[in-house]
């Protein structure tokens, strides 16, 4: 009896919930802009962001360890060959030099005494007062004293050099691009104190993705292969030659570093530039606006419009390059196809669309009248 009453009570609840369930909302019809694909005979230009750097840049440091007491140059300073860049406390090095000189003088006295003894014992041997074995012992002592003198002489030279190494001087003319140690720091031998960009040729350094590496390597050594435009400066672009292409990708960005030779062009270190690579025209290539291209599963694609059903479908394409707000499509499209040029980011496969009409146009007025009816 209780079970029958429970079932009787649940039936109205189930019926009410079924009646309150809403019908699924129909997907809205999107208004899109379209264009008809037409072949083009024009090429494209691929642009890369670059930085102007020196052909040669050295990391300078002391050849001996010690406490740095001064660094008269800062970042951006222009230096000349022989100019003092930094210096260490020379006290310990001078004491070492004095000890080496004293050891050299002691070795010289010992060598002189051994030479004099050897000459006397040689005369005594000639007169028959000593044996040949005794003369041989004196000769060995003489040679050992001379060798010790030569060793002390070399050690004194090393200490003299180390005393001079307490002053860091510029080998070539250039510009200080970075400072990595301040006065008061205790430095190990070889620790970098500053970086010096050498005067001379300049490079435009930029990174390219993996699919462009082969094209860059094909341009190695070719003059005027690239065009370089400095940001914020008017004037014609400067020609550049691909000088070096990295053999391995950067572990973080997965791009390859390329260095383009600018020669002695009037550029400044650290300037930002745009490096342009002209892509030759290819048969069957098409130009589309950037708004028509979207990414699907890591690949570029566009929406194709089926005018019979007014639905869209995704079409993968291969992009050959970019030029301003347009992209050059190498494959994936056929002339005469209709491509969605605006509104691509809001579409889904098979979605119904309608052609966008500008407000105030005849098409917009017709659409408004049809909607009122």
Protein backbone atom coordinates (compact mmCIF):
# COMPACT_ATOMS: atom_id res chain seq x y z
CA UNK A 1 0.00 0.00 0.00
CA UNK A 2 2.78 2.40 0.93
CA UNK A 3 4.66 1.57 -2.29
CA UNK A 4 1.54 2.36 -4.35
CA UNK A 5 1.11 5.71 -2.61
CA UNK A 6 4.83 6.60 -3.17
CA UNK A 7 4.53 5.83 -6.88
CA UNK A 8 1.39 7.94 -7.08
CA UNK A 9 3.20 10.87 -5.48
CA UNK A 10 6.30 10.60 -7.77
CA UNK A 11 4.37 10.52 -11.06
CA UNK A 12 3.30 14.23 -10.91
CA UNK A 13 6.88 15.24 -10.04
CA UNK A 14 8.33 13.38 -13.05
CA UNK A 15 5.65 14.80 -15.36
CA UNK A 16 6.27 18.33 -14.09
CA UNK A 17 10.05 18.04 -14.58
CA UNK A 18 9.54 16.69 -18.10
CA UNK A 19 7.25 19.57 -18.97
CA UNK A 20 9.70 22.16 -17.56
CA UNK A 21 12.66 20.88 -19.66
CA UNK A 22 13.50 23.55 -22.26
CA UNK A 23 14.09 22.75 -25.88
CA UNK A 24 17.72 23.16 -27.05
CA UNK A 25 18.50 26.64 -28.33
CA UNK A 26 19.10 26.78 -32.03
CA UNK A 27 22.59 27.88 -33.06
CA UNK A 28 22.48 31.52 -34.25
CA UNK A 29 23.07 32.40 -37.86
CA UNK A 30 26.28 34.45 -38.07
CA UNK A 31 26.79 37.31 -40.46
CA UNK A 32 30.18 37.09 -42.20
CA UNK A 33 32.16 38.94 -44.82
CA UNK A 34 33.41 36.88 -47.74
CA UNK A 35 35.69 37.18 -50.74
CA UNK A 36 36.30 35.13 -53.85
CA UNK A 37 39.76 33.54 -54.12
CA UNK A 38 41.76 34.85 -57.05
CA UNK A 39 45.27 33.88 -58.09
CA UNK A 40 47.99 36.51 -57.77
CA UNK A 41 51.33 36.84 -59.51
CA UNK A 42 52.82 38.99 -56.74
CA UNK A 43 55.29 37.66 -54.21
CA UNK A 44 55.33 38.32 -50.50
CA UNK A 45 57.71 39.60 -47.87
CA UNK A 46 58.57 37.86 -44.61
CA UNK A 47 59.56 40.24 -41.81
CA UNK A 48 61.63 39.40 -38.74
CA UNK A 49 62.37 41.55 -35.69
CA UNK A 50 66.13 42.02 -35.31
CA UNK A 51 68.67 43.70 -33.04
CA UNK A 52 71.85 45.47 -34.14
CA UNK A 53 74.95 43.91 -32.55
CA UNK A 54 78.69 44.10 -33.01
CA UNK A 55 80.42 41.51 -35.15
CA UNK A 56 82.81 40.78 -32.27
CA UNK A 57 82.05 41.18 -28.56
CA UNK A 58 84.52 40.16 -25.85
CA UNK A 59 83.98 39.26 -22.20
CA UNK A 60 86.94 40.86 -20.45
CA UNK A 61 88.32 39.79 -17.08
CA UNK A 62 91.52 39.75 -15.05
CA UNK A 63 94.06 37.02 -15.66
CA UNK A 64 94.70 36.82 -11.91
CA UNK A 65 92.39 36.81 -8.90
CA UNK A 66 92.05 39.59 -6.37
CA UNK A 67 89.93 42.43 -5.00
CA UNK A 68 88.81 44.98 -7.59
CA UNK A 69 89.42 48.51 -6.37
CA UNK A 70 88.38 50.63 -9.36
CA UNK A 71 86.47 50.55 -12.63
CA UNK A 72 86.67 53.93 -14.39
CA UNK A 73 84.33 53.00 -17.26
CA UNK A 74 80.57 52.41 -17.30
CA UNK A 75 78.05 51.00 -19.76
CA UNK A 76 78.06 52.94 -23.01
CA UNK A 77 81.60 54.27 -22.60
CA UNK A 78 83.74 54.43 -25.74
CA UNK A 79 87.24 53.11 -25.09
CA UNK A 80 90.51 53.12 -27.01
CA UNK A 81 93.28 50.51 -27.20
CA UNK A 82 95.41 50.58 -24.05
CA UNK A 83 92.80 52.42 -21.95
CA UNK A 84 92.48 51.23 -18.34
CA UNK A 85 89.13 49.55 -17.73
CA UNK A 86 89.56 48.25 -14.15
CA UNK A 87 92.25 47.45 -11.60
CA UNK A 88 92.88 45.08 -8.70
CA UNK A 89 94.58 45.65 -5.35
CA UNK A 90 98.24 45.01 -6.35
CA UNK A 91 99.72 44.55 -2.87
CA UNK A 92 99.78 40.75 -2.80
CA UNK A 93 101.01 40.58 -6.38
CA UNK A 94 103.85 42.98 -5.63
CA UNK A 95 104.88 40.93 -2.61
CA UNK A 96 104.95 37.83 -4.80
CA UNK A 97 107.07 39.72 -7.33
CA UNK A 98 109.54 40.74 -4.63
CA UNK A 99 109.76 37.16 -3.33
CA UNK A 100 110.46 35.92 -6.86
CA UNK A 101 113.20 38.51 -7.33
CA UNK A 102 114.83 37.50 -4.04
CA UNK A 103 114.70 33.84 -5.03
CA UNK A 104 116.25 34.74 -8.38
CA UNK A 105 119.11 36.60 -6.69
CA UNK A 106 119.77 33.64 -4.35
CA UNK A 107 119.80 31.26 -7.31
CA UNK A 108 122.22 33.53 -9.17
CA UNK A 109 124.67 33.58 -6.22
CA UNK A 110 124.42 29.80 -5.86
CA UNK A 111 125.03 29.33 -9.60
CA UNK A 112 128.06 31.64 -9.53
CA UNK A 113 129.54 29.76 -6.57
CA UNK A 114 128.93 26.40 -8.25
CA UNK A 115 130.60 27.65 -11.45
CA UNK A 116 133.67 28.86 -9.53
CA UNK A 117 133.97 25.58 -7.61
CA UNK A 118 133.67 23.59 -10.82
CA UNK A 119 136.49 25.56 -12.47
CA UNK A 120 138.82 25.05 -9.45
CA UNK A 121 138.12 21.34 -9.21
CA UNK A 122 138.66 20.99 -12.92
CA UNK A 123 142.16 22.49 -12.55
CA UNK A 124 142.85 20.16 -9.62
CA UNK A 125 141.83 17.18 -11.72
CA UNK A 126 144.18 18.26 -14.48
CA UNK A 127 146.99 18.35 -11.89
CA UNK A 128 146.00 14.90 -10.56
CA UNK A 129 145.04 15.98 -7.04
CA UNK A 130 141.42 14.66 -7.23
CA UNK A 131 139.74 11.71 -8.87
CA UNK A 132 137.51 11.76 -11.91
CA UNK A 133 134.51 10.80 -9.77
CA UNK A 134 134.95 13.88 -7.60
CA UNK A 135 135.06 16.10 -10.68
CA UNK A 136 131.86 14.50 -11.96
CA UNK A 137 130.12 15.28 -8.65
CA UNK A 138 131.21 18.91 -8.89
CA UNK A 139 130.02 19.08 -12.50
CA UNK A 140 126.59 17.74 -11.52
CA UNK A 141 126.32 20.30 -8.72
CA UNK A 142 127.24 23.03 -11.21
CA UNK A 143 124.56 21.96 -13.70
CA UNK A 144 121.96 21.70 -10.91
CA UNK A 145 122.75 25.24 -9.74
CA UNK A 146 122.42 26.58 -13.29
CA UNK A 147 119.05 24.83 -13.70
CA UNK A 148 117.79 26.30 -10.43
CA UNK A 149 118.87 29.73 -11.59
CA UNK A 150 116.93 29.34 -14.85
CA UNK A 151 113.87 28.14 -12.92
CA UNK A 152 114.02 31.13 -10.57
CA UNK A 153 114.45 33.44 -13.56
CA UNK A 154 111.31 32.05 -15.22
CA UNK A 155 109.36 32.27 -11.97
CA UNK A 156 110.38 35.89 -11.57
CA UNK A 157 109.13 36.60 -15.07
CA UNK A 158 105.76 35.00 -14.27
CA UNK A 159 105.41 37.08 -11.11
CA UNK A 160 106.28 40.25 -13.01
CA UNK A 161 103.58 39.47 -15.57
CA UNK A 162 101.01 38.77 -12.86
CA UNK A 163 101.79 42.09 -11.24
CA UNK A 164 100.99 43.78 -14.57
CA UNK A 165 97.79 41.73 -14.89
CA UNK A 166 96.33 43.62 -11.94
CA UNK A 167 95.36 46.34 -14.44
CA UNK A 168 92.73 45.47 -17.08
CA UNK A 169 93.26 47.38 -20.32
CA UNK A 170 91.37 47.40 -23.60
CA UNK A 171 93.02 45.52 -26.45
CA UNK A 172 90.89 47.15 -29.15
CA UNK A 173 88.64 50.16 -29.57
CA UNK A 174 84.98 49.61 -28.80
CA UNK A 175 81.96 50.32 -26.62
CA UNK A 176 81.22 48.88 -23.18
CA UNK A 177 77.89 47.04 -23.49
CA UNK A 178 77.59 45.50 -20.02
CA UNK A 179 79.23 45.60 -16.58
CA UNK A 180 79.21 42.46 -14.43
CA UNK A 181 81.44 43.38 -11.46
CA UNK A 182 81.63 46.37 -9.14
CA UNK A 183 84.57 47.77 -7.14
CA UNK A 184 85.04 45.92 -3.86
CA UNK A 185 84.22 42.51 -5.27
CA UNK A 186 86.74 39.70 -4.85
CA UNK A 187 87.11 38.09 -8.26
CA UNK A 188 88.50 34.76 -9.35
CA UNK A 189 90.91 34.52 -12.23
CA UNK A 190 89.04 34.87 -15.52
CA UNK A 191 85.77 36.18 -14.01
CA UNK A 192 83.98 38.54 -16.40
CA UNK A 193 84.20 42.20 -15.43
CA UNK A 194 82.60 43.80 -18.49
CA UNK A 195 81.65 43.14 -22.11
CA UNK A 196 83.24 45.15 -24.91
CA UNK A 197 81.72 45.44 -28.40
CA UNK A 198 84.52 45.96 -30.89
CA UNK A 199 84.41 48.76 -33.41
CA UNK A 200 83.90 47.50 -36.95
CA UNK A 201 81.21 45.66 -38.91
CA UNK A 202 77.72 45.34 -37.47
CA UNK A 203 75.22 42.47 -37.66
CA UNK A 204 71.44 42.35 -37.60
CA UNK A 205 70.65 39.34 -35.38
CA UNK A 206 67.20 37.74 -35.55
CA UNK A 207 65.48 34.37 -35.07
CA UNK A 208 63.62 32.30 -37.64
CA UNK A 209 61.31 29.29 -37.23
CA UNK A 210 62.40 25.85 -38.35
CA UNK A 211 60.53 25.99 -41.67
CA UNK A 212 62.58 29.02 -42.76
CA UNK A 213 66.03 27.68 -41.86
CA UNK A 214 66.72 26.05 -45.22
CA UNK A 215 65.81 29.26 -47.06
CA UNK A 216 68.25 31.21 -44.89
CA UNK A 217 71.05 28.71 -45.44
CA UNK A 218 70.47 28.93 -49.19
CA UNK A 219 71.12 32.69 -48.92
CA UNK A 220 74.49 32.33 -47.11
CA UNK A 221 77.07 34.65 -48.64
CA UNK A 222 74.64 36.22 -51.12
CA UNK A 223 74.89 39.98 -51.15
CA UNK A 224 71.72 42.05 -50.85
CA UNK A 225 69.73 38.94 -49.90
CA UNK A 226 67.91 40.81 -47.12
CA UNK A 227 66.67 44.34 -46.52
CA UNK A 228 67.03 45.95 -43.09
CA UNK A 229 64.91 48.88 -41.93
CA UNK A 230 65.61 50.60 -38.62
CA UNK A 231 62.62 51.27 -36.40
CA UNK A 232 61.82 54.94 -35.91
CA UNK A 233 64.10 56.10 -38.72
CA UNK A 234 63.01 57.14 -42.17
CA UNK A 235 65.00 56.37 -45.27
CA UNK A 236 65.60 53.50 -47.64
CA UNK A 237 66.35 50.03 -46.24
CA UNK A 238 69.96 48.88 -46.03
CA UNK A 239 71.06 45.73 -47.86
CA UNK A 240 72.38 42.84 -45.78
CA UNK A 241 74.08 39.51 -46.39
CA UNK A 242 73.29 36.33 -44.47
CA UNK A 243 76.56 35.60 -42.68
CA UNK A 244 75.73 32.88 -40.18
CA UNK A 245 72.84 30.49 -39.44
CA UNK A 246 72.77 28.59 -36.15
CA UNK A 247 73.23 24.84 -36.43
CA UNK A 248 70.89 24.07 -33.51
CA UNK A 249 67.64 25.56 -32.26
CA UNK A 250 67.38 27.58 -29.09
CA UNK A 251 66.22 25.17 -26.34
CA UNK A 252 63.60 27.65 -25.07
CA UNK A 253 62.17 29.35 -28.17
CA UNK A 254 62.92 26.48 -30.62
CA UNK A 255 64.04 29.03 -33.20
CA UNK A 256 67.33 29.40 -35.08
CA UNK A 257 69.52 32.48 -34.74
CA UNK A 258 70.58 34.19 -37.99
CA UNK A 259 73.21 36.93 -38.32
CA UNK A 260 73.01 39.29 -41.30
CA UNK A 261 76.08 41.33 -42.19
CA UNK A 262 75.46 45.08 -42.48
CA UNK A 263 79.10 45.97 -43.04
CA UNK A 264 79.92 49.42 -41.72
CA UNK A 265 76.43 50.86 -42.12
CA UNK A 266 75.53 53.89 -40.01
CA UNK A 267 73.73 51.99 -37.24
CA UNK A 268 73.96 52.04 -33.45
CA UNK A 269 74.38 49.10 -31.14
CA UNK A 270 71.14 47.86 -29.66
CA UNK A 271 68.88 49.43 -32.28
CA UNK A 272 65.78 47.48 -33.25
CA UNK A 273 65.27 46.73 -36.91
CA UNK A 274 63.06 44.81 -39.30
CA UNK A 275 64.74 42.30 -41.59
CA UNK A 276 62.72 41.58 -44.74
CA UNK A 277 63.04 38.54 -46.97
CA UNK A 278 61.35 38.74 -50.36
CA UNK A 279 59.46 35.58 -51.30
CA UNK A 280 59.37 35.10 -55.09
CA UNK A 281 55.93 34.72 -56.73
CA UNK A 282 54.71 31.16 -57.19
CA UNK A 283 52.09 29.65 -59.50
CA UNK A 284 48.76 29.08 -57.79
CA UNK A 285 49.46 31.42 -54.88
CA UNK A 286 46.70 33.51 -53.32
CA UNK A 287 46.61 36.56 -51.10
CA UNK A 288 44.17 36.71 -48.19
CA UNK A 289 43.68 39.19 -45.35
CA UNK A 290 44.98 38.18 -41.95
CA UNK A 291 41.43 38.19 -40.58
CA UNK A 292 40.56 35.24 -42.82
CA UNK A 293 43.17 32.90 -41.33
CA UNK A 294 42.81 31.06 -38.03
CA UNK A 295 44.64 28.18 -36.32
CA UNK A 296 43.20 24.69 -36.13
CA UNK A 297 45.15 21.85 -34.50
CA UNK A 298 48.37 23.81 -34.83
CA UNK A 299 47.91 24.52 -38.56
CA UNK A 300 46.64 27.51 -40.52
CA UNK A 301 43.14 27.22 -41.98
CA UNK A 302 40.30 29.27 -43.50
CA UNK A 303 36.52 28.89 -43.63
CA UNK A 304 35.06 27.98 -47.05
CA UNK A 305 31.45 28.99 -47.74
CA UNK A 306 29.04 26.58 -49.44
CA UNK A 307 26.59 28.97 -51.11
CA UNK A 308 24.02 26.23 -51.73
CA UNK A 309 23.56 25.41 -48.03
CA UNK A 310 25.05 28.68 -46.65
CA UNK A 311 27.26 26.67 -44.27
CA UNK A 312 31.00 26.80 -43.66
CA UNK A 313 33.72 24.20 -43.40
CA UNK A 314 37.36 24.48 -42.36
CA UNK A 315 40.04 24.19 -45.05
CA UNK A 316 43.74 23.76 -44.05
CA UNK A 317 46.18 25.96 -45.98
CA UNK A 318 49.95 26.44 -46.23
CA UNK A 319 51.16 29.98 -45.64
CA UNK A 320 54.21 31.06 -47.65
CA UNK A 321 54.71 34.47 -46.06
CA UNK A 322 53.16 37.74 -44.95
CA UNK A 323 53.09 41.24 -46.35
CA UNK A 324 51.53 43.91 -44.18
CA UNK A 325 48.00 42.79 -43.31
CA UNK A 326 47.92 40.08 -45.96
CA UNK A 327 49.22 36.51 -46.10
CA UNK A 328 50.41 34.58 -49.14
CA UNK A 329 48.78 31.15 -49.39
CA UNK A 330 50.90 28.62 -51.26
CA UNK A 331 48.47 25.69 -51.31
CA UNK A 332 45.10 24.51 -50.05
CA UNK A 333 42.82 26.78 -52.11
CA UNK A 334 41.43 26.84 -55.64
CA UNK A 335 40.54 29.95 -57.62
CA UNK A 336 36.82 30.74 -57.43
CA UNK A 337 36.24 29.43 -53.91
CA UNK A 338 34.49 31.71 -51.41
CA UNK A 339 36.41 32.37 -48.20
CA UNK A 340 35.14 34.02 -45.01
CA UNK A 341 37.25 37.16 -44.63
CA UNK A 342 35.84 38.49 -41.32
CA UNK A 343 34.16 36.79 -38.38
CA UNK A 344 36.19 33.59 -38.66
CA UNK A 345 36.86 33.34 -34.92
CA UNK A 346 33.15 32.91 -34.09
CA UNK A 347 32.36 30.06 -36.49
CA UNK A 348 32.10 26.30 -36.06
CA UNK A 349 32.12 23.54 -38.73
CA UNK A 350 28.76 23.26 -40.51
CA UNK A 351 27.40 26.47 -39.01
CA UNK A 352 24.75 28.43 -40.90
CA UNK A 353 25.83 31.91 -41.97
CA UNK A 354 24.46 34.88 -43.82
CA UNK A 355 26.31 37.47 -45.85
CA UNK A 356 27.01 40.69 -44.00
CA UNK A 357 25.42 43.79 -45.50
CA UNK A 358 26.69 47.29 -44.81
CA UNK A 359 24.14 49.48 -42.94
CA UNK A 360 22.28 51.73 -45.36
CA UNK A 361 22.96 49.54 -48.38
CA UNK A 362 20.24 48.04 -50.58
CA UNK A 363 20.99 44.55 -49.28
CA UNK A 364 20.59 45.72 -45.69
CA UNK A 365 17.26 47.37 -46.51
CA UNK A 366 15.99 44.20 -48.18
CA UNK A 367 17.00 42.11 -45.20
CA UNK A 368 15.16 44.52 -42.85
CA UNK A 369 11.96 44.36 -44.92
CA UNK A 370 12.15 40.56 -45.00
CA UNK A 371 12.57 40.47 -41.23
CA UNK A 372 9.50 42.72 -40.67
CA UNK A 373 7.35 40.44 -42.81
